[in-house]
Amino acid sequence: MNKVEIIELFNKNGLDTVGIAPIGPYYKLKKILEEKVDNNLITGMEEPDIEKRINPKLIMDDAASIIVCAFPYHIEEEYESNISRYCYGLDYHLVIKEKLNSICEEIKNKDEKFNYKIFADNGPLVDRYLAYLAGIGYYGINNNLITDKYGSYIFIGYIVNNYDLEADIPTNKTCMNCNKCVKYCPGNALEGNYKMDPKKCISFITQKKDELTHEEKNKIKNNKSIFGCDICQVVCPHNKDICSSNIEEFTTNLITTLSDEEINSISNKEFKRRYKDRAFSWRGRNIIKRNMDIIKEESMKE
């Protein structure tokens, strides 16, 4: 199949924000990653081997291009919530892999020589950088990737494959630099120059397994989120008047709040069983309960 046919296949499956990234190696990205390591601007959750982050051929020997796709999750409804919006629907890792695998198998049925590997926030490559290279969107000062149709409320999936598809060109659009994300970031993680300290990000802190510092606990108390943070996206003008998701798994059967009563009444095993298909479950019940207790302690003082 050629590039046009592949894009049409994605569109037929309801995925309309698709592009092709070159196979690298990405030496500009390497400099950025090395600078982050040198300045201790990493969380420890990243792939430690930078070469694996910039060279897709270390993932697949015969890799020739990367198909990159945005999966929107924005919904119009507003909820009183204590978890990030990306956690409302089914776990995006599962949804993306299932949808991309279905498309890849359809290609493979037409061409048995098609070789591929699917990733959804679980591979060594930098998915936002791939999406930028594929022309899907552009970086905001908050480090999110912004798309024209869905703003920054997207997940990114990509397919390393052996088809030599013509790469797309990055967009020349840029963030409007209003700096609202910098001003309102509750963790003071954003520097205003497209750089951030991820260890100060509330989303990271709420998922941090190590013991929290007094300052980190205060950030959770003030933000009142037990998992994740959406502030930099909520205040972003690029997220006004965007389209809602057309992906049923992200728009139905939503969980928008976890209750203190429930979390305290179930075991770790039951938590995993009940929420195994939700993105907030990966750290387990204890981290959720810890964050709840921090917020509860503050509310009792009030």
C-alpha atoms as a PDB file:
ATOM      1  CA  MET A   1       0.000   0.000   0.000  1.00  0.00           C
ATOM      2  CA  ASN A   2       1.160   3.530  -0.701  1.00  0.00           C
ATOM      3  CA  LYS A   3       0.994   6.529   1.604  1.00  0.00           C
ATOM      4  CA  VAL A   4      -2.322   7.840   0.273  1.00  0.00           C
ATOM      5  CA  GLU A   5      -3.983   4.464   0.723  1.00  0.00           C
ATOM      6  CA  ILE A   6      -2.652   4.138   4.253  1.00  0.00           C
ATOM      7  CA  ILE A   7      -3.880   7.596   5.271  1.00  0.00           C
ATOM      8  CA  GLU A   8      -7.277   6.793   3.783  1.00  0.00           C
ATOM      9  CA  LEU A   9      -7.375   3.577   5.788  1.00  0.00           C
ATOM     10  CA  PHE A  10      -6.762   5.508   9.004  1.00  0.00           C
ATOM     11  CA  ASN A  11      -9.466   8.020   8.058  1.00  0.00           C
ATOM     12  CA  LYS A  12     -11.896   5.183   7.338  1.00  0.00           C
ATOM     13  CA  ASN A  13     -11.271   3.962  10.878  1.00  0.00           C
ATOM     14  CA  GLY A  14     -12.139   7.377  12.328  1.00  0.00           C
ATOM     15  CA  LEU A  15      -8.585   8.662  12.770  1.00  0.00           C
ATOM     16  CA  ASP A  16      -8.168  11.917  10.869  1.00  0.00           C
ATOM     17  CA  THR A  17      -4.939  13.322  12.322  1.00  0.00           C
ATOM     18  CA  VAL A  18      -2.174  11.192  10.842  1.00  0.00           C
ATOM     19  CA  GLY A  19       1.309  11.911   9.513  1.00  0.00           C
ATOM     20  CA  ILE A  20       4.576  10.257   8.605  1.00  0.00           C
ATOM     21  CA  ALA A  21       7.802  10.879  10.519  1.00  0.00           C
ATOM     22  CA  PRO A  22      11.256  10.168   9.054  1.00  0.00           C
ATOM     23  CA  ILE A  23      13.316   7.320  10.427  1.00  0.00           C
ATOM     24  CA  GLY A  24      16.110   9.433  11.907  1.00  0.00           C
ATOM     25  CA  PRO A  25      18.405   9.319  13.758  1.00  0.00           C
ATOM     26  CA  TYR A  26      17.184  12.586  15.314  1.00  0.00           C
ATOM     27  CA  TYR A  27      20.379  14.436  16.193  1.00  0.00           C
ATOM     28  CA  LYS A  28      18.628  17.732  17.060  1.00  0.00           C
ATOM     29  CA  LEU A  29      16.556  15.842  19.610  1.00  0.00           C
ATOM     30  CA  LYS A  30      19.710  14.209  20.979  1.00  0.00           C
ATOM     31  CA  LYS A  31      21.127  17.614  21.915  1.00  0.00           C
ATOM     32  CA  ILE A  32      17.875  18.535  23.673  1.00  0.00           C
ATOM     33  CA  LEU A  33      17.806  15.282  25.630  1.00  0.00           C
ATOM     34  CA  GLU A  34      21.465  15.560  26.616  1.00  0.00           C
ATOM     35  CA  GLU A  35      20.847  19.098  27.874  1.00  0.00           C
ATOM     36  CA  LYS A  36      17.944  17.841  29.994  1.00  0.00           C
ATOM     37  CA  VAL A  37      20.114  15.141  31.528  1.00  0.00           C
ATOM     38  CA  ASP A  38      22.938  17.600  32.201  1.00  0.00           C
ATOM     39  CA  ASN A  39      20.514  19.975  33.945  1.00  0.00           C
ATOM     40  CA  ASN A  40      18.733  17.201  35.862  1.00  0.00           C
ATOM     41  CA  LEU A  41      15.441  17.952  34.091  1.00  0.00           C
ATOM     42  CA  ILE A  42      14.337  14.321  34.003  1.00  0.00           C
ATOM     43  CA  THR A  43      12.047  12.264  36.220  1.00  0.00           C
ATOM     44  CA  GLY A  44      13.656   8.848  35.992  1.00  0.00           C
ATOM     45  CA  MET A  45      10.662   7.465  34.109  1.00  0.00           C
ATOM     46  CA  GLU A  46      12.364   8.078  30.767  1.00  0.00           C
ATOM     47  CA  GLU A  47      14.374   5.569  28.759  1.00  0.00           C
ATOM     48  CA  PRO A  48      17.922   6.130  30.095  1.00  0.00           C
ATOM     49  CA  ASP A  49      19.704   5.230  26.830  1.00  0.00           C
ATOM     50  CA  ILE A  50      19.473   8.365  24.660  1.00  0.00           C
ATOM     51  CA  GLU A  51      20.515   6.441  21.537  1.00  0.00           C
ATOM     52  CA  LYS A  52      17.358   4.343  21.847  1.00  0.00           C
ATOM     53  CA  ARG A  53      15.316   7.549  22.047  1.00  0.00           C
ATOM     54  CA  ILE A  54      16.663   8.988  18.796  1.00  0.00           C
ATOM     55  CA  ASN A  55      17.226   5.949  16.569  1.00  0.00           C
ATOM     56  CA  PRO A  56      14.160   3.895  15.517  1.00  0.00           C
ATOM     57  CA  LYS A  57      16.386   1.294  13.856  1.00  0.00           C
ATOM     58  CA  LEU A  58      17.385   0.159  17.328  1.00  0.00           C
ATOM     59  CA  ILE A  59      13.729  -0.831  17.728  1.00  0.00           C
ATOM     60  CA  MET A  60      13.369  -2.532  14.372  1.00  0.00           C
ATOM     61  CA  ASP A  61      16.239  -3.329  11.999  1.00  0.00           C
ATOM     62  CA  ASP A  62      14.240  -2.835   8.804  1.00  0.00           C
ATOM     63  CA  ALA A  63      12.413   0.303   9.971  1.00  0.00           C
ATOM     64  CA  ALA A  64      11.884   2.715   7.069  1.00  0.00           C
ATOM     65  CA  SER A  65       9.249   5.188   8.332  1.00  0.00           C
ATOM     66  CA  ILE A  66       6.976   5.928  11.298  1.00  0.00           C
ATOM     67  CA  ILE A  67       3.219   6.383  11.020  1.00  0.00           C
ATOM     68  CA  VAL A  68       2.080   8.776  13.773  1.00  0.00           C
ATOM     69  CA  CYS A  69      -1.521   9.283  14.811  1.00  0.00           C
ATOM     70  CA  ALA A  70      -3.321  11.577  17.268  1.00  0.00           C
ATOM     71  CA  PHE A  71      -6.165  10.158  19.365  1.00  0.00           C
ATOM     72  CA  PRO A  72      -8.391  12.984  20.698  1.00  0.00           C
ATOM     73  CA  TYR A  73     -10.001  12.710  24.121  1.00  0.00           C
ATOM     74  CA  HIS A  74     -11.660  16.116  24.637  1.00  0.00           C
ATOM     75  CA  ILE A  75     -15.301  16.121  25.732  1.00  0.00           C
ATOM     76  CA  GLU A  76     -17.597  19.138  26.059  1.00  0.00           C
ATOM     77  CA  GLU A  77     -19.005  18.272  29.474  1.00  0.00           C
ATOM     78  CA  GLU A  78     -17.371  19.804  32.539  1.00  0.00           C
ATOM     79  CA  TYR A  79     -17.129  17.722  35.701  1.00  0.00           C
ATOM     80  CA  GLU A  80     -16.207  18.281  39.314  1.00  0.00           C
ATOM     81  CA  SER A  81     -13.246  15.973  39.266  1.00  0.00           C
ATOM     82  CA  ASN A  82     -10.200  14.947  41.278  1.00  0.00           C
ATOM     83  CA  ILE A  83      -8.410  13.112  38.453  1.00  0.00           C
ATOM     84  CA  SER A  84      -6.988  14.330  35.147  1.00  0.00           C
ATOM     85  CA  ARG A  85      -9.257  14.387  32.111  1.00  0.00           C
ATOM     86  CA  TYR A  86      -7.096  11.919  30.255  1.00  0.00           C
ATOM     87  CA  CYS A  87      -8.130   9.311  32.827  1.00  0.00           C
ATOM     88  CA  TYR A  88     -11.905   9.695  32.377  1.00  0.00           C
ATOM     89  CA  GLY A  89     -12.270   7.083  29.646  1.00  0.00           C
ATOM     90  CA  LEU A  90     -10.690   3.698  29.093  1.00  0.00           C
ATOM     91  CA  ASP A  91      -6.921   3.386  29.378  1.00  0.00           C
ATOM     92  CA  TYR A  92      -5.504   4.994  26.252  1.00  0.00           C
ATOM     93  CA  HIS A  93      -2.651   2.489  26.088  1.00  0.00           C
ATOM     94  CA  LEU A  94      -5.163  -0.309  25.535  1.00  0.00           C
ATOM     95  CA  VAL A  95      -7.397   1.661  23.166  1.00  0.00           C
ATOM     96  CA  ILE A  96      -4.567   2.911  20.930  1.00  0.00           C
ATOM     97  CA  LYS A  97      -2.879  -0.471  20.659  1.00  0.00           C
ATOM     98  CA  GLU A  98      -6.135  -2.188  19.773  1.00  0.00           C
ATOM     99  CA  LYS A  99      -7.064   0.343  17.085  1.00  0.00           C
ATOM    100  CA  LEU A 100      -3.597   0.527  15.553  1.00  0.00           C
ATOM    101  CA  ASN A 101      -3.181  -3.224  15.604  1.00  0.00           C
ATOM    102  CA  SER A 102      -6.484  -3.637  13.779  1.00  0.00           C
ATOM    103  CA  ILE A 103      -5.341  -1.216  11.058  1.00  0.00           C
ATOM    104  CA  CYS A 104      -1.908  -2.826  10.777  1.00  0.00           C
ATOM    105  CA  GLU A 105      -3.410  -6.273  10.428  1.00  0.00           C
ATOM    106  CA  GLU A 106      -5.612  -4.952   7.643  1.00  0.00           C
ATOM    107  CA  ILE A 107      -2.483  -3.715   5.840  1.00  0.00           C
ATOM    108  CA  LYS A 108      -0.715  -7.009   6.484  1.00  0.00           C
ATOM    109  CA  ASN A 109      -3.642  -8.940   5.003  1.00  0.00           C
ATOM    110  CA  LYS A 110      -3.025  -7.052   1.781  1.00  0.00           C
ATOM    111  CA  ASP A 111       0.761  -7.282   1.990  1.00  0.00           C
ATOM    112  CA  GLU A 112       2.285 -10.027   4.129  1.00  0.00           C
ATOM    113  CA  LYS A 113       5.688  -8.325   3.866  1.00  0.00           C
ATOM    114  CA  PHE A 114       4.457  -5.427   6.004  1.00  0.00           C
ATOM    115  CA  ASN A 115       6.413  -5.438   9.273  1.00  0.00           C
ATOM    116  CA  TYR A 116       5.499  -3.197  12.184  1.00  0.00           C
ATOM    117  CA  LYS A 117       5.732  -2.429  15.898  1.00  0.00           C
ATOM    118  CA  ILE A 118       3.099  -0.387  17.731  1.00  0.00           C
ATOM    119  CA  PHE A 119       3.753   2.001  20.611  1.00  0.00           C
ATOM    120  CA  ALA A 120       1.451   4.075  22.820  1.00  0.00           C
ATOM    121  CA  ASP A 121       3.448   5.972  25.433  1.00  0.00           C
ATOM    122  CA  ASN A 122       5.397   2.795  26.147  1.00  0.00           C
ATOM    123  CA  GLY A 123       8.354   2.974  23.771  1.00  0.00           C
ATOM    124  CA  PRO A 124      11.782   4.603  24.004  1.00  0.00           C
ATOM    125  CA  LEU A 125      11.130   7.178  21.242  1.00  0.00           C
ATOM    126  CA  VAL A 126       9.767  10.640  22.102  1.00  0.00           C
ATOM    127  CA  ASP A 127       6.205  10.496  20.821  1.00  0.00           C
ATOM    128  CA  ARG A 128       5.577  14.255  20.844  1.00  0.00           C
ATOM    129  CA  TYR A 129       8.722  14.837  18.815  1.00  0.00           C
ATOM    130  CA  LEU A 130       7.607  12.204  16.296  1.00  0.00           C
ATOM    131  CA  ALA A 131       4.198  13.892  16.043  1.00  0.00           C
ATOM    132  CA  TYR A 132       5.900  17.245  15.481  1.00  0.00           C
ATOM    133  CA  LEU A 133       8.097  15.789  12.727  1.00  0.00           C
ATOM    134  CA  ALA A 134       5.004  14.202  11.149  1.00  0.00           C
ATOM    135  CA  GLY A 135       3.294  17.592  10.877  1.00  0.00           C
ATOM    136  CA  ILE A 136       0.536  16.677  13.310  1.00  0.00           C
ATOM    137  CA  GLY A 137       1.057  19.659  15.585  1.00  0.00           C
ATOM    138  CA  TYR A 138       3.422  22.121  17.227  1.00  0.00           C
ATOM    139  CA  TYR A 139       4.811  22.566  20.710  1.00  0.00           C
ATOM    140  CA  GLY A 140       3.213  24.819  23.288  1.00  0.00           C
ATOM    141  CA  ILE A 141       5.210  26.561  25.993  1.00  0.00           C
ATOM    142  CA  ASN A 142       3.644  24.006  28.346  1.00  0.00           C
ATOM    143  CA  ASN A 143       5.476  21.280  26.365  1.00  0.00           C
ATOM    144  CA  ASN A 144       2.199  19.796  25.117  1.00  0.00           C
ATOM    145  CA  LEU A 145       1.748  19.159  21.415  1.00  0.00           C
ATOM    146  CA  ILE A 146      -1.029  21.319  19.959  1.00  0.00           C
ATOM    147  CA  THR A 147      -3.157  20.222  17.003  1.00  0.00           C
ATOM    148  CA  ASP A 148      -5.447  22.471  14.975  1.00  0.00           C
ATOM    149  CA  LYS A 149      -8.569  20.345  15.396  1.00  0.00           C
ATOM    150  CA  TYR A 150      -8.246  18.919  18.896  1.00  0.00           C
ATOM    151  CA  GLY A 151      -5.918  21.316  20.670  1.00  0.00           C
ATOM    152  CA  SER A 152      -3.591  19.524  23.062  1.00  0.00           C
ATOM    153  CA  TYR A 153      -6.162  17.031  24.305  1.00  0.00           C
ATOM    154  CA  ILE A 154      -4.649  14.139  22.388  1.00  0.00           C
ATOM    155  CA  PHE A 155      -2.858  10.871  22.942  1.00  0.00           C
ATOM    156  CA  ILE A 156      -0.182   9.859  20.458  1.00  0.00           C
ATOM    157  CA  GLY A 157       0.307   6.422  18.987  1.00  0.00           C
ATOM    158  CA  TYR A 158       2.933   5.469  16.437  1.00  0.00           C
ATOM    159  CA  ILE A 159       3.862   2.557  14.219  1.00  0.00           C
ATOM    160  CA  VAL A 160       7.491   1.848  13.404  1.00  0.00           C
ATOM    161  CA  ASN A 161       7.309  -0.028  10.108  1.00  0.00           C
ATOM    162  CA  ASN A 162       9.243  -1.217   7.055  1.00  0.00           C
ATOM    163  CA  TYR A 163       7.363   0.842   4.446  1.00  0.00           C
ATOM    164  CA  ASP A 164       9.483   3.626   2.956  1.00  0.00           C
ATOM    165  CA  LEU A 165       6.765   6.284   3.141  1.00  0.00           C
ATOM    166  CA  GLU A 166       7.475   9.918   2.284  1.00  0.00           C
ATOM    167  CA  ALA A 167       7.832  11.927   5.480  1.00  0.00           C
ATOM    168  CA  ASP A 168       5.573  14.894   6.138  1.00  0.00           C
ATOM    169  CA  ILE A 169       6.878  18.371   6.894  1.00  0.00           C
ATOM    170  CA  PRO A 170       6.557  19.948  10.357  1.00  0.00           C
ATOM    171  CA  THR A 171       4.039  22.783  10.541  1.00  0.00           C
ATOM    172  CA  ASN A 172       5.342  26.340  10.747  1.00  0.00           C
ATOM    173  CA  LYS A 173       2.620  27.294  13.226  1.00  0.00           C
ATOM    174  CA  THR A 174       3.704  28.201  16.729  1.00  0.00           C
ATOM    175  CA  CYS A 175       2.279  28.670  20.203  1.00  0.00           C
ATOM    176  CA  MET A 176       0.877  32.196  20.654  1.00  0.00           C
ATOM    177  CA  ASN A 177       3.142  32.669  23.709  1.00  0.00           C
ATOM    178  CA  CYS A 178       0.468  34.144  25.959  1.00  0.00           C
ATOM    179  CA  ASN A 179       2.250  32.537  28.933  1.00  0.00           C
ATOM    180  CA  LYS A 180      -1.016  31.702  30.712  1.00  0.00           C
ATOM    181  CA  CYS A 181       0.244  28.159  31.262  1.00  0.00           C
ATOM    182  CA  VAL A 182       3.360  29.545  32.941  1.00  0.00           C
ATOM    183  CA  LYS A 183       1.354  31.906  35.143  1.00  0.00           C
ATOM    184  CA  TYR A 184      -1.202  29.356  36.303  1.00  0.00           C
ATOM    185  CA  CYS A 185       0.970  26.222  36.572  1.00  0.00           C
ATOM    186  CA  PRO A 186       0.382  25.125  40.187  1.00  0.00           C
ATOM    187  CA  GLY A 187       3.768  23.436  40.351  1.00  0.00           C
ATOM    188  CA  ASN A 188       5.752  26.348  38.864  1.00  0.00           C
ATOM    189  CA  ALA A 189       7.224  23.775  36.497  1.00  0.00           C
ATOM    190  CA  LEU A 190       7.193  25.915  33.332  1.00  0.00           C
ATOM    191  CA  GLU A 191       9.994  28.352  32.564  1.00  0.00           C
ATOM    192  CA  GLY A 192       8.301  30.220  29.699  1.00  0.00           C
ATOM    193  CA  ASN A 193      10.944  29.316  27.130  1.00  0.00           C
ATOM    194  CA  TYR A 194       9.553  25.916  26.088  1.00  0.00           C
ATOM    195  CA  LYS A 195      11.517  24.325  28.909  1.00  0.00           C
ATOM    196  CA  MET A 196      10.159  22.796  32.095  1.00  0.00           C
ATOM    197  CA  ASP A 197      11.238  20.956  35.197  1.00  0.00           C
ATOM    198  CA  PRO A 198       9.076  17.816  35.070  1.00  0.00           C
ATOM    199  CA  LYS A 199       9.817  17.027  38.717  1.00  0.00           C
ATOM    200  CA  LYS A 200       7.860  20.148  39.721  1.00  0.00           C
ATOM    201  CA  CYS A 201       4.838  19.166  37.626  1.00  0.00           C
ATOM    202  CA  ILE A 202       1.771  18.263  39.721  1.00  0.00           C
ATOM    203  CA  SER A 203       0.991  15.392  37.364  1.00  0.00           C
ATOM    204  CA  PHE A 204       4.382  13.843  38.116  1.00  0.00           C
ATOM    205  CA  ILE A 205       4.160  14.540  41.834  1.00  0.00           C
ATOM    206  CA  THR A 206       0.781  12.806  42.138  1.00  0.00           C
ATOM    207  CA  GLN A 207       2.313   9.716  40.508  1.00  0.00           C
ATOM    208  CA  LYS A 208       5.642   9.846  42.331  1.00  0.00           C
ATOM    209  CA  LYS A 209       6.380   6.645  44.208  1.00  0.00           C
ATOM    210  CA  ASP A 210       9.143   8.011  46.439  1.00  0.00           C
ATOM    211  CA  GLU A 211       8.335   9.847  49.639  1.00  0.00           C
ATOM    212  CA  LEU A 212       7.038  13.343  48.985  1.00  0.00           C
ATOM    213  CA  THR A 213       8.720  16.465  50.309  1.00  0.00           C
ATOM    214  CA  HIS A 214       6.826  19.022  52.374  1.00  0.00           C
ATOM    215  CA  GLU A 215       6.701  21.304  49.321  1.00  0.00           C
ATOM    216  CA  GLU A 216       5.311  18.530  47.116  1.00  0.00           C
ATOM    217  CA  LYS A 217       2.625  17.720  49.666  1.00  0.00           C
ATOM    218  CA  ASN A 218       1.621  21.378  49.758  1.00  0.00           C
ATOM    219  CA  LYS A 219       1.281  21.412  45.978  1.00  0.00           C
ATOM    220  CA  ILE A 220      -1.129  18.472  46.142  1.00  0.00           C
ATOM    221  CA  LYS A 221      -3.066  20.140  48.973  1.00  0.00           C
ATOM    222  CA  ASN A 222      -3.447  23.353  46.994  1.00  0.00           C
ATOM    223  CA  ASN A 223      -4.332  21.696  43.694  1.00  0.00           C
ATOM    224  CA  LYS A 224      -6.627  19.026  45.191  1.00  0.00           C
ATOM    225  CA  SER A 225      -5.946  16.555  42.398  1.00  0.00           C
ATOM    226  CA  ILE A 226      -5.232  12.964  43.380  1.00  0.00           C
ATOM    227  CA  PHE A 227      -3.940  11.970  39.950  1.00  0.00           C
ATOM    228  CA  GLY A 228      -2.643  14.211  37.188  1.00  0.00           C
ATOM    229  CA  CYS A 229      -3.187  17.885  36.425  1.00  0.00           C
ATOM    230  CA  ASP A 230      -4.931  19.750  33.598  1.00  0.00           C
ATOM    231  CA  ILE A 231      -4.351  23.402  34.494  1.00  0.00           C
ATOM    232  CA  CYS A 232      -1.898  24.235  31.699  1.00  0.00           C
ATOM    233  CA  GLN A 233      -4.360  22.804  29.161  1.00  0.00           C
ATOM    234  CA  VAL A 234      -7.480  24.340  30.697  1.00  0.00           C
ATOM    235  CA  VAL A 235      -6.064  27.885  30.527  1.00  0.00           C
ATOM    236  CA  CYS A 236      -4.530  27.432  27.060  1.00  0.00           C
ATOM    237  CA  PRO A 237      -6.296  29.545  24.380  1.00  0.00           C
ATOM    238  CA  HIS A 238      -5.369  26.946  21.762  1.00  0.00           C
ATOM    239  CA  ASN A 239      -7.882  24.647  23.469  1.00  0.00           C
ATOM    240  CA  LYS A 240     -10.843  26.960  22.871  1.00  0.00           C
ATOM    241  CA  ASP A 241     -13.458  25.909  20.317  1.00  0.00           C
ATOM    242  CA  ILE A 242     -11.786  22.586  19.588  1.00  0.00           C
ATOM    243  CA  CYS A 243     -13.573  19.473  18.365  1.00  0.00           C
ATOM    244  CA  SER A 244     -14.686  16.771  20.748  1.00  0.00           C
ATOM    245  CA  SER A 245     -13.381  13.243  20.493  1.00  0.00           C
ATOM    246  CA  ASN A 246     -15.070  10.830  18.129  1.00  0.00           C
ATOM    247  CA  ILE A 247     -13.584   7.839  19.943  1.00  0.00           C
ATOM    248  CA  GLU A 248     -16.280   6.077  21.934  1.00  0.00           C
ATOM    249  CA  GLU A 249     -13.862   4.600  24.473  1.00  0.00           C
ATOM    250  CA  PHE A 250     -12.914   8.147  25.555  1.00  0.00           C
ATOM    251  CA  THR A 251     -16.441   9.604  25.621  1.00  0.00           C
ATOM    252  CA  THR A 252     -18.613   6.943  27.320  1.00  0.00           C
ATOM    253  CA  ASN A 253     -18.529   4.969  30.572  1.00  0.00           C
ATOM    254  CA  LEU A 254     -16.544   7.779  32.153  1.00  0.00           C
ATOM    255  CA  ILE A 255     -15.034   7.859  35.623  1.00  0.00           C
ATOM    256  CA  THR A 256     -14.446  11.470  36.667  1.00  0.00           C
ATOM    257  CA  THR A 257     -14.013  11.188  40.435  1.00  0.00           C
ATOM    258  CA  LEU A 258     -12.648   8.667  42.895  1.00  0.00           C
ATOM    259  CA  SER A 259     -14.233   8.762  46.339  1.00  0.00           C
ATOM    260  CA  ASP A 260     -12.366   8.618  49.593  1.00  0.00           C
ATOM    261  CA  GLU A 261     -14.915   6.152  50.973  1.00  0.00           C
ATOM    262  CA  GLU A 262     -14.414   3.709  48.128  1.00  0.00           C
ATOM    263  CA  ILE A 263     -10.613   3.814  48.078  1.00  0.00           C
ATOM    264  CA  ASN A 264     -10.476   3.272  51.844  1.00  0.00           C
ATOM    265  CA  SER A 265     -12.894   0.351  51.714  1.00  0.00           C
ATOM    266  CA  ILE A 266     -11.194  -1.774  49.029  1.00  0.00           C
ATOM    267  CA  SER A 267      -7.951  -3.726  48.975  1.00  0.00           C
ATOM    268  CA  ASN A 268      -5.041  -3.150  46.612  1.00  0.00           C
ATOM    269  CA  LYS A 269      -6.047  -6.319  44.782  1.00  0.00           C
ATOM    270  CA  GLU A 270      -9.648  -5.171  44.407  1.00  0.00           C
ATOM    271  CA  PHE A 271      -8.467  -1.753  43.184  1.00  0.00           C
ATOM    272  CA  LYS A 272      -6.476  -3.413  40.401  1.00  0.00           C
ATOM    273  CA  ARG A 273      -9.387  -5.689  39.499  1.00  0.00           C
ATOM    274  CA  ARG A 274     -11.902  -2.850  39.437  1.00  0.00           C
ATOM    275  CA  TYR A 275      -9.780  -0.336  37.567  1.00  0.00           C
ATOM    276  CA  LYS A 276      -7.383  -2.444  35.502  1.00  0.00           C
ATOM    277  CA  ASP A 277      -8.652  -0.823  32.283  1.00  0.00           C
ATOM    278  CA  ARG A 278      -8.124   2.762  33.519  1.00  0.00           C
ATOM    279  CA  ALA A 279      -5.009   4.879  33.073  1.00  0.00           C
ATOM    280  CA  PHE A 280      -4.944   5.991  36.710  1.00  0.00           C
ATOM    281  CA  SER A 281      -4.581   2.415  37.988  1.00  0.00           C
ATOM    282  CA  TRP A 282      -0.961   1.797  36.996  1.00  0.00           C
ATOM    283  CA  ARG A 283       0.537   3.235  40.212  1.00  0.00           C
ATOM    284  CA  GLY A 284      -1.882   1.284  42.372  1.00  0.00           C
ATOM    285  CA  ARG A 285      -4.242   2.118  45.223  1.00  0.00           C
ATOM    286  CA  ASN A 286      -1.606   3.186  47.747  1.00  0.00           C
ATOM    287  CA  ILE A 287      -0.460   6.230  45.751  1.00  0.00           C
ATOM    288  CA  ILE A 288      -4.065   7.320  45.169  1.00  0.00           C
ATOM    289  CA  LYS A 289      -4.832   6.881  48.882  1.00  0.00           C
ATOM    290  CA  ARG A 290      -1.702   8.797  49.861  1.00  0.00           C
ATOM    291  CA  ASN A 291      -2.764  11.773  47.767  1.00  0.00           C
ATOM    292  CA  MET A 292      -6.316  11.598  49.108  1.00  0.00           C
ATOM    293  CA  ASP A 293      -5.011  11.578  52.688  1.00  0.00           C
ATOM    294  CA  ILE A 294      -2.866  14.642  51.992  1.00  0.00           C
ATOM    295  CA  ILE A 295      -5.876  16.570  50.667  1.00  0.00           C
ATOM    296  CA  LYS A 296      -8.157  15.272  53.431  1.00  0.00           C
ATOM    297  CA  GLU A 297      -5.705  16.409  56.082  1.00  0.00           C
ATOM    298  CA  GLU A 298      -5.789  19.924  54.652  1.00  0.00           C
ATOM    299  CA  SER A 299      -9.606  20.031  54.414  1.00  0.00           C
ATOM    300  CA  MET A 300      -9.909  18.941  58.063  1.00  0.00           C
ATOM    301  CA  LYS A 301      -7.791  21.933  59.055  1.00  0.00           C
ATOM    302  CA  GLU A 302     -10.179  24.216  57.195  1.00  0.00           C
END
